[in-house]
């Protein structure tokens, strides 16, 4: 069997190509929500916090 001896330049090129091919791999993580997150309705927020009125949780309603 004949052994193939690579020169230092050839080895550098191979390492560079390997590193370049690895760096081009794009992996996207699911860090953002794909659905539109809704705020709790005022009545639900009132129940969770144990308050008597939902007035503090409904900023758009002024009475």
PDB file of N, CA and C in Angstrom:
ATOM      1  N   UNK A   1       0.826  -1.185   0.000  1.00  0.00           N
ATOM      2  CA  UNK A   1       0.000   0.000   0.000  1.00  0.00           C
ATOM      3  C   UNK A   1       0.867   1.243   0.000  1.00  0.00           C
ATOM      4  N   UNK A   2       0.436   2.195  -0.749  1.00  0.00           N
ATOM      5  CA  UNK A   2       1.190   3.430  -0.850  1.00  0.00           C
ATOM      6  C   UNK A   2       0.605   4.453   0.118  1.00  0.00           C
ATOM      7  N   UNK A   3       1.435   5.045   0.948  1.00  0.00           N
ATOM      8  CA  UNK A   3       0.972   6.060   1.890  1.00  0.00           C
ATOM      9  C   UNK A   3       0.982   7.415   1.199  1.00  0.00           C
ATOM     10  N   UNK A   4      -0.074   8.160   1.433  1.00  0.00           N
ATOM     11  CA  UNK A   4      -0.169   9.495   0.853  1.00  0.00           C
ATOM     12  C   UNK A   4       0.311  10.491   1.899  1.00  0.00           C
ATOM     13  N   UNK A   5       1.307  11.267   1.539  1.00  0.00           N
ATOM     14  CA  UNK A   5       1.860  12.246   2.466  1.00  0.00           C
ATOM     15  C   UNK A   5       1.408  13.631   2.011  1.00  0.00           C
ATOM     16  N   UNK A   6       0.694  14.324   2.890  1.00  0.00           N
ATOM     17  CA  UNK A   6       0.226  15.663   2.564  1.00  0.00           C
ATOM     18  C   UNK A   6       1.236  16.692   3.040  1.00  0.00           C
ATOM     19  N   UNK A   7       1.404  17.692   2.252  1.00  0.00           N
ATOM     20  CA  UNK A   7       2.293  18.772   2.663  1.00  0.00           C
ATOM     21  C   UNK A   7       1.591  19.631   3.714  1.00  0.00           C
ATOM     22  N   UNK A   8       2.337  20.485   4.345  1.00  0.00           N
ATOM     23  CA  UNK A   8       1.768  21.375   5.366  1.00  0.00           C
ATOM     24  C   UNK A   8       0.707  22.284   4.729  1.00  0.00           C
ATOM     25  N   UNK A   9       0.973  22.749   3.518  1.00  0.00           N
ATOM     26  CA  UNK A   9       0.019  23.608   2.809  1.00  0.00           C
ATOM     27  C   UNK A   9      -1.274  22.849   2.512  1.00  0.00           C
ATOM     28  N   UNK A  10      -1.148  21.616   2.067  1.00  0.00           N
ATOM     29  CA  UNK A  10      -2.322  20.799   1.765  1.00  0.00           C
ATOM     30  C   UNK A  10      -3.156  20.524   3.003  1.00  0.00           C
ATOM     31  N   UNK A  11      -2.487  20.257   4.119  1.00  0.00           N
ATOM     32  CA  UNK A  11      -3.191  20.005   5.373  1.00  0.00           C
ATOM     33  C   UNK A  11      -3.909  21.273   5.843  1.00  0.00           C
ATOM     34  N   UNK A  12      -3.258  22.418   5.678  1.00  0.00           N
ATOM     35  CA  UNK A  12      -3.880  23.693   6.061  1.00  0.00           C
ATOM     36  C   UNK A  12      -5.134  23.944   5.237  1.00  0.00           C
ATOM     37  N   UNK A  13      -5.062  23.668   3.962  1.00  0.00           N
ATOM     38  CA  UNK A  13      -6.224  23.846   3.083  1.00  0.00           C
ATOM     39  C   UNK A  13      -7.356  22.913   3.504  1.00  0.00           C
ATOM     40  N   UNK A  14      -7.038  21.666   3.815  1.00  0.00           N
ATOM     41  CA  UNK A  14      -8.075  20.720   4.246  1.00  0.00           C
ATOM     42  C   UNK A  14      -8.738  21.163   5.544  1.00  0.00           C
ATOM     43  N   UNK A  15      -7.941  21.618   6.500  1.00  0.00           N
ATOM     44  CA  UNK A  15      -8.494  22.091   7.774  1.00  0.00           C
ATOM     45  C   UNK A  15      -9.370  23.312   7.538  1.00  0.00           C
ATOM     46  N   UNK A  16      -8.914  24.221   6.688  1.00  0.00           N
ATOM     47  CA  UNK A  16      -9.698  25.419   6.379  1.00  0.00           C
ATOM     48  C   UNK A  16     -11.032  25.048   5.725  1.00  0.00           C
ATOM     49  N   UNK A  17     -11.009  24.141   4.772  1.00  0.00           N
ATOM     50  CA  UNK A  17     -12.246  23.736   4.102  1.00  0.00           C
ATOM     51  C   UNK A  17     -13.207  23.044   5.064  1.00  0.00           C
ATOM     52  N   UNK A  18     -12.664  22.220   5.953  1.00  0.00           N
ATOM     53  CA  UNK A  18     -13.505  21.550   6.942  1.00  0.00           C
ATOM     54  C   UNK A  18     -14.151  22.573   7.875  1.00  0.00           C
ATOM     55  N   UNK A  19     -13.347  23.523   8.371  1.00  0.00           N
ATOM     56  CA  UNK A  19     -13.875  24.554   9.269  1.00  0.00           C
ATOM     57  C   UNK A  19     -14.913  25.413   8.550  1.00  0.00           C
ATOM     58  N   UNK A  20     -14.665  25.723   7.299  1.00  0.00           N
ATOM     59  CA  UNK A  20     -15.604  26.534   6.519  1.00  0.00           C
ATOM     60  C   UNK A  20     -16.918  25.792   6.300  1.00  0.00           C
ATOM     61  N   UNK A  21     -16.845  24.498   6.033  1.00  0.00           N
ATOM     62  CA  UNK A  21     -18.075  23.734   5.805  1.00  0.00           C
ATOM     63  C   UNK A  21     -18.885  23.596   7.087  1.00  0.00           C
ATOM     64  N   UNK A  22     -18.217  23.484   8.229  1.00  0.00           N
ATOM     65  CA  UNK A  22     -18.920  23.392   9.511  1.00  0.00           C
ATOM     66  C   UNK A  22     -19.560  24.732   9.861  1.00  0.00           C
ATOM     67  N   UNK A  23     -18.861  25.826   9.581  1.00  0.00           N
ATOM     68  CA  UNK A  23     -19.378  27.146   9.953  1.00  0.00           C
ATOM     69  C   UNK A  23     -20.590  27.545   9.118  1.00  0.00           C
ATOM     70  N   UNK A  24     -20.774  26.946   7.963  1.00  0.00           N
ATOM     71  CA  UNK A  24     -21.912  27.293   7.122  1.00  0.00           C
ATOM     72  C   UNK A  24     -23.181  26.553   7.493  1.00  0.00           C
ATOM     73  N   UNK A  25     -23.106  25.647   8.438  1.00  0.00           N
ATOM     74  CA  UNK A  25     -24.304  24.944   8.879  1.00  0.00           C
ATOM     75  C   UNK A  25     -25.158  25.912   9.682  1.00  0.00           C
ATOM     76  N   UNK A  26     -26.403  26.069   9.285  1.00  0.00           N
ATOM     77  CA  UNK A  26     -27.299  27.008   9.953  1.00  0.00           C
ATOM     78  C   UNK A  26     -28.362  26.217  10.699  1.00  0.00           C
ATOM     79  N   UNK A  27     -28.390  26.400  12.003  1.00  0.00           N
ATOM     80  CA  UNK A  27     -29.385  25.737  12.834  1.00  0.00           C
ATOM     81  C   UNK A  27     -30.208  26.817  13.499  1.00  0.00           C
ATOM     82  N   UNK A  28     -31.515  26.763  13.310  1.00  0.00           N
ATOM     83  CA  UNK A  28     -32.389  27.766  13.894  1.00  0.00           C
ATOM     84  C   UNK A  28     -33.110  27.152  15.082  1.00  0.00           C
ATOM     85  N   UNK A  29     -32.969  27.814  16.202  1.00  0.00           N
ATOM     86  CA  UNK A  29     -33.637  27.358  17.412  1.00  0.00           C
ATOM     87  C   UNK A  29     -34.992  28.054  17.509  1.00  0.00           C
ATOM     88  N   UNK A  30     -35.981  27.369  18.024  1.00  0.00           N
ATOM     89  CA  UNK A  30     -37.309  27.951  18.178  1.00  0.00           C
ATOM     90  C   UNK A  30     -37.410  28.790  19.437  1.00  0.00           C
ATOM     91  N   UNK A  31     -36.806  29.979  19.403  1.00  0.00           N
ATOM     92  CA  UNK A  31     -36.821  30.822  20.591  1.00  0.00           C
ATOM     93  C   UNK A  31     -37.964  31.827  20.583  1.00  0.00           C
ATOM     94  N   UNK A  32     -38.558  32.055  19.445  1.00  0.00           N
ATOM     95  CA  UNK A  32     -39.661  33.009  19.413  1.00  0.00           C
ATOM     96  C   UNK A  32     -40.988  32.259  19.324  1.00  0.00           C
ATOM     97  N   UNK A  33     -42.029  32.917  19.797  1.00  0.00           N
ATOM     98  CA  UNK A  33     -43.343  32.284  19.778  1.00  0.00           C
ATOM     99  C   UNK A  33     -43.968  32.476  18.404  1.00  0.00           C
ATOM    100  N   UNK A  34     -44.497  31.411  17.849  1.00  0.00           N
ATOM    101  CA  UNK A  34     -45.090  31.490  16.525  1.00  0.00           C
ATOM    102  C   UNK A  34     -46.552  31.931  16.590  1.00  0.00           C
ATOM    103  N   UNK A  35     -47.116  31.953  17.779  1.00  0.00           N
ATOM    104  CA  UNK A  35     -48.491  32.390  17.914  1.00  0.00           C
ATOM    105  C   UNK A  35     -48.514  33.735  18.624  1.00  0.00           C
ATOM    106  N   UNK A  36     -49.592  34.443  18.445  1.00  0.00           N
ATOM    107  CA  UNK A  36     -49.708  35.762  19.050  1.00  0.00           C
ATOM    108  C   UNK A  36     -50.149  35.589  20.502  1.00  0.00           C
ATOM    109  N   UNK A  37     -49.271  35.958  21.425  1.00  0.00           N
ATOM    110  CA  UNK A  37     -49.573  35.805  22.847  1.00  0.00           C
ATOM    111  C   UNK A  37     -50.575  36.884  23.263  1.00  0.00           C
ATOM    112  N   UNK A  38     -51.629  36.463  23.926  1.00  0.00           N
ATOM    113  CA  UNK A  38     -52.649  37.404  24.367  1.00  0.00           C
ATOM    114  C   UNK A  38     -52.461  37.716  25.841  1.00  0.00           C
ATOM    115  N   UNK A  39     -52.854  38.922  26.201  1.00  0.00           N
ATOM    116  CA  UNK A  39     -52.833  39.322  27.589  1.00  0.00           C
ATOM    117  C   UNK A  39     -54.059  38.709  28.267  1.00  0.00           C
ATOM    118  N   UNK A  40     -53.958  38.500  29.564  1.00  0.00           N
ATOM    119  CA  UNK A  40     -55.102  37.958  30.301  1.00  0.00           C
ATOM    120  C   UNK A  40     -56.260  38.946  30.276  1.00  0.00           C
ATOM    121  N   UNK A  41     -57.487  38.461  30.176  1.00  0.00           N
ATOM    122  CA  UNK A  41     -58.636  39.353  30.299  1.00  0.00           C
ATOM    123  C   UNK A  41     -58.684  39.931  31.716  1.00  0.00           C
ATOM    124  N   UNK A  42     -59.253  41.121  31.879  1.00  0.00           N
ATOM    125  CA  UNK A  42     -59.286  41.759  33.195  1.00  0.00           C
ATOM    126  C   UNK A  42     -59.920  40.893  34.279  1.00  0.00           C
ATOM    127  N   UNK A  43     -60.971  40.158  33.938  1.00  0.00           N
ATOM    128  CA  UNK A  43     -61.635  39.311  34.927  1.00  0.00           C
ATOM    129  C   UNK A  43     -60.741  38.187  35.419  1.00  0.00           C
ATOM    130  N   UNK A  44     -59.970  37.594  34.503  1.00  0.00           N
ATOM    131  CA  UNK A  44     -59.060  36.519  34.893  1.00  0.00           C
ATOM    132  C   UNK A  44     -57.934  37.046  35.777  1.00  0.00           C
ATOM    133  N   UNK A  45     -57.384  38.215  35.425  1.00  0.00           N
ATOM    134  CA  UNK A  45     -56.322  38.813  36.242  1.00  0.00           C
ATOM    135  C   UNK A  45     -56.845  39.137  37.635  1.00  0.00           C
ATOM    136  N   UNK A  46     -58.103  39.586  37.721  1.00  0.00           N
ATOM    137  CA  UNK A  46     -58.730  39.890  39.012  1.00  0.00           C
ATOM    138  C   UNK A  46     -58.830  38.625  39.861  1.00  0.00           C
ATOM    139  N   UNK A  47     -59.256  37.534  39.241  1.00  0.00           N
ATOM    140  CA  UNK A  47     -59.393  36.268  39.971  1.00  0.00           C
ATOM    141  C   UNK A  47     -58.047  35.761  40.481  1.00  0.00           C
ATOM    142  N   UNK A  48     -57.028  35.849  39.632  1.00  0.00           N
ATOM    143  CA  UNK A  48     -55.703  35.351  40.008  1.00  0.00           C
ATOM    144  C   UNK A  48     -55.150  36.130  41.196  1.00  0.00           C
ATOM    145  N   UNK A  49     -55.343  37.455  41.181  1.00  0.00           N
ATOM    146  CA  UNK A  49     -54.793  38.293  42.244  1.00  0.00           C
ATOM    147  C   UNK A  49     -55.720  38.424  43.442  1.00  0.00           C
ATOM    148  N   UNK A  50     -56.945  37.948  43.329  1.00  0.00           N
ATOM    149  CA  UNK A  50     -57.875  37.974  44.457  1.00  0.00           C
ATOM    150  C   UNK A  50     -58.465  39.339  44.753  1.00  0.00           C
ATOM    151  N   UNK A  51     -58.536  40.208  43.771  1.00  0.00           N
ATOM    152  CA  UNK A  51     -59.110  41.542  43.972  1.00  0.00           C
ATOM    153  C   UNK A  51     -60.620  41.504  43.786  1.00  0.00           C
ATOM    154  N   UNK A  52     -61.293  42.548  44.298  1.00  0.00           N
ATOM    155  CA  UNK A  52     -62.743  42.654  44.170  1.00  0.00           C
ATOM    156  C   UNK A  52     -63.147  43.247  42.819  1.00  0.00           C
ATOM    157  N   UNK A  53     -62.309  44.125  42.270  1.00  0.00           N
ATOM    158  CA  UNK A  53     -62.661  44.829  41.045  1.00  0.00           C
ATOM    159  C   UNK A  53     -61.627  44.556  39.955  1.00  0.00           C
ATOM    160  N   UNK A  54     -62.116  44.501  38.718  1.00  0.00           N
ATOM    161  CA  UNK A  54     -61.218  44.304  37.579  1.00  0.00           C
ATOM    162  C   UNK A  54     -60.838  45.635  36.946  1.00  0.00           C
ATOM    163  N   UNK A  55     -61.217  46.732  37.595  1.00  0.00           N
ATOM    164  CA  UNK A  55     -60.973  48.070  37.053  1.00  0.00           C
ATOM    165  C   UNK A  55     -59.474  48.330  36.844  1.00  0.00           C
ATOM    166  N   UNK A  56     -58.648  47.866  37.757  1.00  0.00           N
ATOM    167  CA  UNK A  56     -57.203  48.104  37.657  1.00  0.00           C
ATOM    168  C   UNK A  56     -56.561  47.317  36.517  1.00  0.00           C
ATOM    169  N   UNK A  57     -57.228  46.303  36.017  1.00  0.00           N
ATOM    170  CA  UNK A  57     -56.658  45.446  34.981  1.00  0.00           C
ATOM    171  C   UNK A  57     -57.213  45.756  33.592  1.00  0.00           C
ATOM    172  N   UNK A  58     -58.092  46.746  33.492  1.00  0.00           N
ATOM    173  CA  UNK A  58     -58.674  47.139  32.206  1.00  0.00           C
ATOM    174  C   UNK A  58     -58.312  48.595  31.930  1.00  0.00           C
ATOM    175  N   UNK A  59     -57.105  48.847  31.417  1.00  0.00           N
ATOM    176  CA  UNK A  59     -56.660  50.226  31.237  1.00  0.00           C
ATOM    177  C   UNK A  59     -57.441  51.006  30.180  1.00  0.00           C
ATOM    178  N   UNK A  60     -58.097  50.327  29.250  1.00  0.00           N
ATOM    179  CA  UNK A  60     -58.827  51.029  28.200  1.00  0.00           C
ATOM    180  C   UNK A  60     -60.199  51.500  28.627  1.00  0.00           C
ATOM    181  N   UNK A  61     -60.710  50.987  29.709  1.00  0.00           N
ATOM    182  CA  UNK A  61     -62.047  51.338  30.175  1.00  0.00           C
ATOM    183  C   UNK A  61     -61.934  52.321  31.322  1.00  0.00           C
ATOM    184  N   UNK A  62     -62.473  53.518  31.113  1.00  0.00           N
ATOM    185  CA  UNK A  62     -62.409  54.558  32.140  1.00  0.00           C
ATOM    186  C   UNK A  62     -63.818  54.894  32.595  1.00  0.00           C
ATOM    187  N   UNK A  63     -64.148  54.534  33.808  1.00  0.00           N
ATOM    188  CA  UNK A  63     -65.450  54.880  34.377  1.00  0.00           C
ATOM    189  C   UNK A  63     -65.254  55.375  35.778  1.00  0.00           C
TER     190      UNK A  63
END
